[in-house]
Amino acid sequence: MKASGRIARKNVRITFQKNEAYSDVYRNRLQRWTEVITCSAYADTYAEQEHGDEVISEEQRVTFETRWCPELAAVTSTGYRVLFRGEIYNILSVDPMNYQKQALRFTCRKETR
């Protein structure tokens, strides 16, 4: 696939957030999510958890593919999450795509509130 074709299919906007600890005026340790970067991505299909012929639980998973950049290369599966279409997704794994510094793939699971 040509590079222009791969870029053209990255047609959704996602936001990466980082979990940061801070202290308030009373020195209480608190946590908050701060936005790190917003970028274009390709979102792959959702999946559900099946066992045999029946669906045990509908576990919505989505895979995001983004272009490589230093800010996204620092994202790990712990301490970061993804916002997509108003929903929160926990990052399960980060795939650097053969370490060629061209693309990154994030496998995520929808967080239940």
Protein backbone atom coordinates (compact mmCIF):
# COMPACT_ATOMS: atom_id res chain seq x y z
CA MET A 1 0.00 0.00 0.00
CA LYS A 2 1.33 3.44 -0.89
CA ALA A 3 2.19 5.84 1.91
CA SER A 4 -0.51 8.28 0.74
CA GLY A 5 -3.12 5.50 0.99
CA ARG A 6 -2.12 4.71 4.55
CA ILE A 7 -2.31 8.37 5.55
CA ALA A 8 -5.69 8.86 3.86
CA ARG A 9 -7.35 6.13 5.88
CA LYS A 10 -6.34 7.71 9.22
CA ASN A 11 -9.59 9.65 9.37
CA VAL A 12 -10.61 9.73 13.06
CA ARG A 13 -9.34 11.99 15.85
CA ILE A 14 -8.19 10.47 19.12
CA THR A 15 -6.75 12.06 22.25
CA PHE A 16 -4.17 10.47 24.52
CA GLN A 17 -4.36 11.32 28.22
CA LYS A 18 -1.77 10.74 30.93
CA ASN A 19 -2.49 10.01 34.59
CA GLU A 20 -0.58 12.47 36.77
CA ALA A 21 -0.31 12.74 40.53
CA TYR A 22 -0.32 16.15 42.20
CA SER A 23 -0.72 17.70 45.65
CA ASP A 24 -3.43 20.17 46.59
CA VAL A 25 -3.03 23.08 49.04
CA TYR A 26 -3.51 20.68 51.97
CA ARG A 27 -0.80 18.32 50.61
CA ASN A 28 -3.32 15.61 49.75
CA ARG A 29 -2.10 13.36 46.93
CA LEU A 30 -4.61 13.43 44.08
CA GLN A 31 -4.65 12.18 40.50
CA ARG A 32 -5.91 13.74 37.30
CA TRP A 33 -5.92 12.98 33.60
CA THR A 34 -4.20 15.54 31.39
CA GLU A 35 -4.25 15.61 27.61
CA VAL A 36 -0.91 14.77 26.02
CA ILE A 37 -1.58 14.75 22.28
CA THR A 38 -4.46 14.69 19.81
CA CYS A 39 -3.82 13.03 16.46
CA SER A 40 -5.38 11.31 13.48
CA ALA A 41 -5.71 7.54 13.55
CA TYR A 42 -7.24 4.57 11.80
CA ALA A 43 -9.74 2.73 14.01
CA ASP A 44 -10.17 -1.01 13.43
CA THR A 45 -13.33 -2.96 14.22
CA TYR A 46 -14.72 -3.85 17.62
CA ALA A 47 -14.60 -7.41 18.95
CA GLU A 48 -16.53 -9.35 21.54
CA GLN A 49 -15.58 -12.15 23.91
CA GLU A 50 -16.97 -15.48 22.69
CA HIS A 51 -16.85 -18.99 24.09
CA GLY A 52 -18.03 -21.71 21.75
CA ASP A 53 -21.30 -20.66 20.11
CA GLU A 54 -22.37 -18.13 22.72
CA VAL A 55 -21.24 -14.63 23.57
CA ILE A 56 -20.28 -14.48 27.24
CA SER A 57 -19.68 -10.76 27.43
CA GLU A 58 -19.56 -7.99 24.95
CA GLU A 59 -16.10 -6.56 25.42
CA GLN A 60 -15.63 -3.70 23.03
CA ARG A 61 -12.08 -3.53 21.75
CA VAL A 62 -10.68 -1.26 19.11
CA THR A 63 -7.24 -0.99 17.54
CA PHE A 64 -5.90 2.44 16.64
CA GLU A 65 -3.11 2.87 14.12
CA THR A 66 -1.27 6.21 14.13
CA ARG A 67 1.78 7.67 12.47
CA TRP A 68 4.95 7.44 14.53
CA CYS A 69 6.05 10.53 16.45
CA PRO A 70 8.26 10.94 19.56
CA GLU A 71 5.30 11.93 21.78
CA LEU A 72 3.36 8.76 20.88
CA ALA A 73 6.45 6.56 21.11
CA ALA A 74 6.58 7.44 24.83
CA VAL A 75 3.00 6.17 25.43
CA THR A 76 2.78 2.95 27.44
CA SER A 77 -0.11 0.70 28.43
CA THR A 78 0.10 1.87 32.04
CA GLY A 79 -0.61 5.46 32.95
CA TYR A 80 -2.22 6.42 29.61
CA ARG A 81 -5.66 6.13 28.05
CA VAL A 82 -7.41 7.11 24.81
CA LEU A 83 -10.49 9.28 24.26
CA PHE A 84 -12.44 8.36 21.12
CA ARG A 85 -15.93 9.64 20.23
CA GLY A 86 -16.63 10.68 23.82
CA GLU A 87 -15.72 7.26 25.25
CA ILE A 88 -12.70 6.23 27.33
CA TYR A 89 -10.49 3.34 26.21
CA ASN A 90 -7.79 1.72 28.35
CA ILE A 91 -4.64 0.80 26.45
CA LEU A 92 -3.95 -2.95 26.55
CA SER A 93 -0.86 -3.06 24.35
CA VAL A 94 1.37 -0.87 22.20
CA ASP A 95 2.82 -2.32 18.98
CA PRO A 96 5.73 -0.34 17.44
CA MET A 97 5.20 -2.11 14.08
CA ASN A 98 8.66 -3.69 13.60
CA TYR A 99 10.47 -0.67 15.08
CA GLN A 100 10.62 1.11 11.71
CA LYS A 101 9.43 4.48 13.12
CA GLN A 102 6.56 4.67 10.63
CA ALA A 103 3.47 3.65 12.60
CA LEU A 104 2.25 2.66 16.06
CA ARG A 105 -0.69 0.38 16.86
CA PHE A 106 -2.62 0.67 20.14
CA THR A 107 -4.98 -2.12 21.19
CA CYS A 108 -7.58 -0.71 23.58
CA ARG A 109 -10.62 -1.87 25.57
CA LYS A 110 -13.62 0.34 26.31
CA GLU A 111 -13.81 1.33 29.96
CA THR A 112 -17.11 0.63 31.68
CA ARG A 113 -18.36 3.44 33.85
